[in-house]
Amino acid sequence: MSKSQAKSTPMTSQAAARIQSATAKANGGQVKAGSFAAVAQRAAATNQGGAAKGSK
């Protein structure tokens, strides 16, 4: 299945929190800007209609 045919599931805040938690645990409590966890958090905020921190 090509990427354009794949079903898209919106990122939820709960899923982003799990990703961010796992990343922080693996990196001594740090989540770097631009990491997958940070991008997931921004996507969740966008999907909920909220502005992501640092967005324009």
PDB file of N, CA and C in Angstrom:
ATOM      1  N   MET A   1       0.850  -1.177   0.000  1.00  0.00           N
ATOM      2  CA  MET A   1       0.000   0.000   0.000  1.00  0.00           C
ATOM      3  C   MET A   1       0.892   1.236   0.000  1.00  0.00           C
ATOM      4  N   SER A   2       0.675   2.121  -0.940  1.00  0.00           N
ATOM      5  CA  SER A   2       1.489   3.332  -0.997  1.00  0.00           C
ATOM      6  C   SER A   2       1.035   4.328   0.064  1.00  0.00           C
ATOM      7  N   LYS A   3       1.897   5.284   0.331  1.00  0.00           N
ATOM      8  CA  LYS A   3       1.614   6.269   1.372  1.00  0.00           C
ATOM      9  C   LYS A   3       0.328   7.044   1.074  1.00  0.00           C
ATOM     10  N   SER A   4       0.070   7.342  -0.195  1.00  0.00           N
ATOM     11  CA  SER A   4      -1.115   8.116  -0.546  1.00  0.00           C
ATOM     12  C   SER A   4      -2.403   7.305  -0.356  1.00  0.00           C
ATOM     13  N   GLN A   5      -2.304   5.977  -0.278  1.00  0.00           N
ATOM     14  CA  GLN A   5      -3.478   5.140  -0.096  1.00  0.00           C
ATOM     15  C   GLN A   5      -3.705   4.743   1.361  1.00  0.00           C
ATOM     16  N   ALA A   6      -2.735   5.010   2.212  1.00  0.00           N
ATOM     17  CA  ALA A   6      -2.841   4.615   3.620  1.00  0.00           C
ATOM     18  C   ALA A   6      -3.895   5.451   4.327  1.00  0.00           C
ATOM     19  N   LYS A   7      -4.623   4.813   5.245  1.00  0.00           N
ATOM     20  CA  LYS A   7      -5.594   5.556   6.038  1.00  0.00           C
ATOM     21  C   LYS A   7      -4.846   6.421   7.038  1.00  0.00           C
ATOM     22  N   SER A   8      -5.339   7.599   7.252  1.00  0.00           N
ATOM     23  CA  SER A   8      -4.701   8.533   8.167  1.00  0.00           C
ATOM     24  C   SER A   8      -5.484   8.571   9.470  1.00  0.00           C
ATOM     25  N   THR A   9      -4.795   8.369  10.569  1.00  0.00           N
ATOM     26  CA  THR A   9      -5.415   8.463  11.884  1.00  0.00           C
ATOM     27  C   THR A   9      -4.864   9.704  12.563  1.00  0.00           C
ATOM     28  N   PRO A  10      -5.716  10.641  12.946  1.00  0.00           N
ATOM     29  CA  PRO A  10      -5.218  11.872  13.569  1.00  0.00           C
ATOM     30  C   PRO A  10      -4.534  11.590  14.907  1.00  0.00           C
ATOM     31  N   MET A  11      -3.492  12.350  15.190  1.00  0.00           N
ATOM     32  CA  MET A  11      -2.774  12.237  16.457  1.00  0.00           C
ATOM     33  C   MET A  11      -3.651  12.797  17.569  1.00  0.00           C
ATOM     34  N   THR A  12      -3.775  12.041  18.645  1.00  0.00           N
ATOM     35  CA  THR A  12      -4.542  12.507  19.799  1.00  0.00           C
ATOM     36  C   THR A  12      -3.582  12.985  20.879  1.00  0.00           C
ATOM     37  N   SER A  13      -4.088  13.766  21.809  1.00  0.00           N
ATOM     38  CA  SER A  13      -3.236  14.243  22.895  1.00  0.00           C
ATOM     39  C   SER A  13      -2.778  13.088  23.780  1.00  0.00           C
ATOM     40  N   GLN A  14      -3.616  12.060  23.922  1.00  0.00           N
ATOM     41  CA  GLN A  14      -3.233  10.900  24.730  1.00  0.00           C
ATOM     42  C   GLN A  14      -2.079  10.142  24.074  1.00  0.00           C
ATOM     43  N   ALA A  15      -2.148   9.952  22.773  1.00  0.00           N
ATOM     44  CA  ALA A  15      -1.077   9.253  22.058  1.00  0.00           C
ATOM     45  C   ALA A  15       0.211  10.072  22.099  1.00  0.00           C
ATOM     46  N   ALA A  16       0.100  11.375  21.906  1.00  0.00           N
ATOM     47  CA  ALA A  16       1.278  12.238  21.952  1.00  0.00           C
ATOM     48  C   ALA A  16       1.914  12.226  23.337  1.00  0.00           C
ATOM     49  N   ALA A  17       1.088  12.173  24.373  1.00  0.00           N
ATOM     50  CA  ALA A  17       1.610  12.124  25.741  1.00  0.00           C
ATOM     51  C   ALA A  17       2.374  10.827  25.983  1.00  0.00           C
ATOM     52  N   ARG A  18       1.878   9.712  25.454  1.00  0.00           N
ATOM     53  CA  ARG A  18       2.586   8.439  25.599  1.00  0.00           C
ATOM     54  C   ARG A  18       3.934   8.479  24.884  1.00  0.00           C
ATOM     55  N   ILE A  19       3.955   9.039  23.691  1.00  0.00           N
ATOM     56  CA  ILE A  19       5.188   9.154  22.914  1.00  0.00           C
ATOM     57  C   ILE A  19       6.180  10.056  23.648  1.00  0.00           C
ATOM     58  N   GLN A  20       5.692  11.193  24.136  1.00  0.00           N
ATOM     59  CA  GLN A  20       6.566  12.133  24.829  1.00  0.00           C
ATOM     60  C   GLN A  20       7.109  11.527  26.118  1.00  0.00           C
ATOM     61  N   SER A  21       6.281  10.803  26.840  1.00  0.00           N
ATOM     62  CA  SER A  21       6.714  10.165  28.080  1.00  0.00           C
ATOM     63  C   SER A  21       7.803   9.138  27.820  1.00  0.00           C
ATOM     64  N   ALA A  22       7.608   8.308  26.817  1.00  0.00           N
ATOM     65  CA  ALA A  22       8.604   7.286  26.496  1.00  0.00           C
ATOM     66  C   ALA A  22       9.913   7.922  26.046  1.00  0.00           C
ATOM     67  N   THR A  23       9.831   9.002  25.275  1.00  0.00           N
ATOM     68  CA  THR A  23      11.028   9.695  24.815  1.00  0.00           C
ATOM     69  C   THR A  23      11.774  10.321  25.984  1.00  0.00           C
ATOM     70  N   ALA A  24      11.044  10.953  26.878  1.00  0.00           N
ATOM     71  CA  ALA A  24      11.670  11.583  28.043  1.00  0.00           C
ATOM     72  C   ALA A  24      12.342  10.545  28.935  1.00  0.00           C
ATOM     73  N   LYS A  25      11.688   9.418  29.149  1.00  0.00           N
ATOM     74  CA  LYS A  25      12.275   8.355  29.976  1.00  0.00           C
ATOM     75  C   LYS A  25      13.554   7.821  29.355  1.00  0.00           C
ATOM     76  N   ALA A  26      13.593   7.746  28.035  1.00  0.00           N
ATOM     77  CA  ALA A  26      14.761   7.215  27.347  1.00  0.00           C
ATOM     78  C   ALA A  26      15.908   8.221  27.264  1.00  0.00           C
ATOM     79  N   ASN A  27      15.611   9.499  27.478  1.00  0.00           N
ATOM     80  CA  ASN A  27      16.614  10.552  27.305  1.00  0.00           C
ATOM     81  C   ASN A  27      16.836  11.378  28.567  1.00  0.00           C
ATOM     82  N   GLY A  28      16.713  10.773  29.708  1.00  0.00           N
ATOM     83  CA  GLY A  28      16.992  11.472  30.960  1.00  0.00           C
ATOM     84  C   GLY A  28      16.063  12.637  31.239  1.00  0.00           C
ATOM     85  N   GLY A  29      14.827  12.536  30.803  1.00  0.00           N
ATOM     86  CA  GLY A  29      13.836  13.580  31.066  1.00  0.00           C
ATOM     87  C   GLY A  29      13.762  14.667  30.009  1.00  0.00           C
ATOM     88  N   GLN A  30      14.590  14.576  28.988  1.00  0.00           N
ATOM     89  CA  GLN A  30      14.637  15.606  27.949  1.00  0.00           C
ATOM     90  C   GLN A  30      13.890  15.171  26.693  1.00  0.00           C
ATOM     91  N   VAL A  31      13.179  16.128  26.099  1.00  0.00           N
ATOM     92  CA  VAL A  31      12.545  15.926  24.795  1.00  0.00           C
ATOM     93  C   VAL A  31      13.005  17.087  23.933  1.00  0.00           C
ATOM     94  N   LYS A  32      13.834  16.793  22.949  1.00  0.00           N
ATOM     95  CA  LYS A  32      14.405  17.850  22.120  1.00  0.00           C
ATOM     96  C   LYS A  32      13.382  18.401  21.133  1.00  0.00           C
ATOM     97  N   ALA A  33      13.522  19.704  20.872  1.00  0.00           N
ATOM     98  CA  ALA A  33      12.690  20.351  19.857  1.00  0.00           C
ATOM     99  C   ALA A  33      12.959  19.691  18.516  1.00  0.00           C
ATOM    100  N   GLY A  34      11.912  19.453  17.756  1.00  0.00           N
ATOM    101  CA  GLY A  34      12.052  18.841  16.444  1.00  0.00           C
ATOM    102  C   GLY A  34      12.046  17.327  16.459  1.00  0.00           C
ATOM    103  N   SER A  35      12.038  16.728  17.660  1.00  0.00           N
ATOM    104  CA  SER A  35      11.998  15.272  17.757  1.00  0.00           C
ATOM    105  C   SER A  35      10.607  14.771  17.361  1.00  0.00           C
ATOM    106  N   PHE A  36      10.508  13.453  17.148  1.00  0.00           N
ATOM    107  CA  PHE A  36       9.206  12.886  16.802  1.00  0.00           C
ATOM    108  C   PHE A  36       8.173  13.191  17.887  1.00  0.00           C
ATOM    109  N   ALA A  37       8.602  13.132  19.152  1.00  0.00           N
ATOM    110  CA  ALA A  37       7.679  13.414  20.262  1.00  0.00           C
ATOM    111  C   ALA A  37       7.177  14.855  20.201  1.00  0.00           C
ATOM    112  N   ALA A  38       8.060  15.783  19.872  1.00  0.00           N
ATOM    113  CA  ALA A  38       7.658  17.186  19.771  1.00  0.00           C
ATOM    114  C   ALA A  38       6.693  17.402  18.596  1.00  0.00           C
ATOM    115  N   VAL A  39       6.993  16.750  17.487  1.00  0.00           N
ATOM    116  CA  VAL A  39       6.122  16.863  16.307  1.00  0.00           C
ATOM    117  C   VAL A  39       4.756  16.242  16.607  1.00  0.00           C
ATOM    118  N   ALA A  40       4.742  15.123  17.314  1.00  0.00           N
ATOM    119  CA  ALA A  40       3.476  14.480  17.684  1.00  0.00           C
ATOM    120  C   ALA A  40       2.646  15.399  18.581  1.00  0.00           C
ATOM    121  N   GLN A  41       3.305  16.069  19.531  1.00  0.00           N
ATOM    122  CA  GLN A  41       2.606  16.981  20.430  1.00  0.00           C
ATOM    123  C   GLN A  41       1.987  18.137  19.645  1.00  0.00           C
ATOM    124  N   ARG A  42       2.735  18.667  18.691  1.00  0.00           N
ATOM    125  CA  ARG A  42       2.227  19.766  17.869  1.00  0.00           C
ATOM    126  C   ARG A  42       1.043  19.301  17.021  1.00  0.00           C
ATOM    127  N   ALA A  43       1.143  18.100  16.463  1.00  0.00           N
ATOM    128  CA  ALA A  43       0.056  17.567  15.646  1.00  0.00           C
ATOM    129  C   ALA A  43      -1.203  17.377  16.477  1.00  0.00           C
ATOM    130  N   ALA A  44      -1.048  16.888  17.699  1.00  0.00           N
ATOM    131  CA  ALA A  44      -2.202  16.690  18.580  1.00  0.00           C
ATOM    132  C   ALA A  44      -2.859  18.027  18.902  1.00  0.00           C
ATOM    133  N   ALA A  45      -2.049  19.038  19.181  1.00  0.00           N
ATOM    134  CA  ALA A  45      -2.602  20.365  19.480  1.00  0.00           C
ATOM    135  C   ALA A  45      -3.335  20.935  18.274  1.00  0.00           C
ATOM    136  N   THR A  46      -2.756  20.735  17.097  1.00  0.00           N
ATOM    137  CA  THR A  46      -3.394  21.217  15.866  1.00  0.00           C
ATOM    138  C   THR A  46      -4.712  20.489  15.620  1.00  0.00           C
ATOM    139  N   ASN A  47      -4.725  19.176  15.837  1.00  0.00           N
ATOM    140  CA  ASN A  47      -5.937  18.389  15.614  1.00  0.00           C
ATOM    141  C   ASN A  47      -7.051  18.760  16.580  1.00  0.00           C
ATOM    142  N   GLN A  48      -6.687  19.251  17.765  1.00  0.00           N
ATOM    143  CA  GLN A  48      -7.689  19.668  18.741  1.00  0.00           C
ATOM    144  C   GLN A  48      -8.124  21.111  18.537  1.00  0.00           C
ATOM    145  N   GLY A  49      -7.522  21.777  17.555  1.00  0.00           N
ATOM    146  CA  GLY A  49      -7.896  23.147  17.261  1.00  0.00           C
ATOM    147  C   GLY A  49      -7.139  24.161  18.101  1.00  0.00           C
ATOM    148  N   GLY A  50      -6.184  23.721  18.890  1.00  0.00           N
ATOM    149  CA  GLY A  50      -5.382  24.641  19.694  1.00  0.00           C
ATOM    150  C   GLY A  50      -4.121  25.003  18.958  1.00  0.00           C
ATOM    151  N   ALA A  51      -3.570  26.162  19.279  1.00  0.00           N
ATOM    152  CA  ALA A  51      -2.318  26.578  18.675  1.00  0.00           C
ATOM    153  C   ALA A  51      -1.164  25.893  19.373  1.00  0.00           C
ATOM    154  N   ALA A  52      -0.251  25.360  18.603  1.00  0.00           N
ATOM    155  CA  ALA A  52       0.934  24.728  19.177  1.00  0.00           C
ATOM    156  C   ALA A  52       1.875  25.801  19.676  1.00  0.00           C
ATOM    157  N   LYS A  53       2.554  25.532  20.783  1.00  0.00           N
ATOM    158  CA  LYS A  53       3.501  26.483  21.347  1.00  0.00           C
ATOM    159  C   LYS A  53       4.600  26.757  20.338  1.00  0.00           C
ATOM    160  N   GLY A  54       4.855  28.022  20.088  1.00  0.00           N
ATOM    161  CA  GLY A  54       5.916  28.386  19.165  1.00  0.00           C
ATOM    162  C   GLY A  54       5.475  28.463  17.717  1.00  0.00           C
ATOM    163  N   SER A  55       4.211  28.199  17.444  1.00  0.00           N
ATOM    164  CA  SER A  55       3.747  28.265  16.065  1.00  0.00           C
ATOM    165  C   SER A  55       3.368  29.695  15.704  1.00  0.00           C
ATOM    166  N   LYS A  56       3.358  29.975  14.426  1.00  0.00           N
ATOM    167  CA  LYS A  56       3.007  31.324  13.961  1.00  0.00           C
ATOM    168  C   LYS A  56       1.656  31.328  13.303  1.00  0.00           C
TER     169      LYS A  56
END
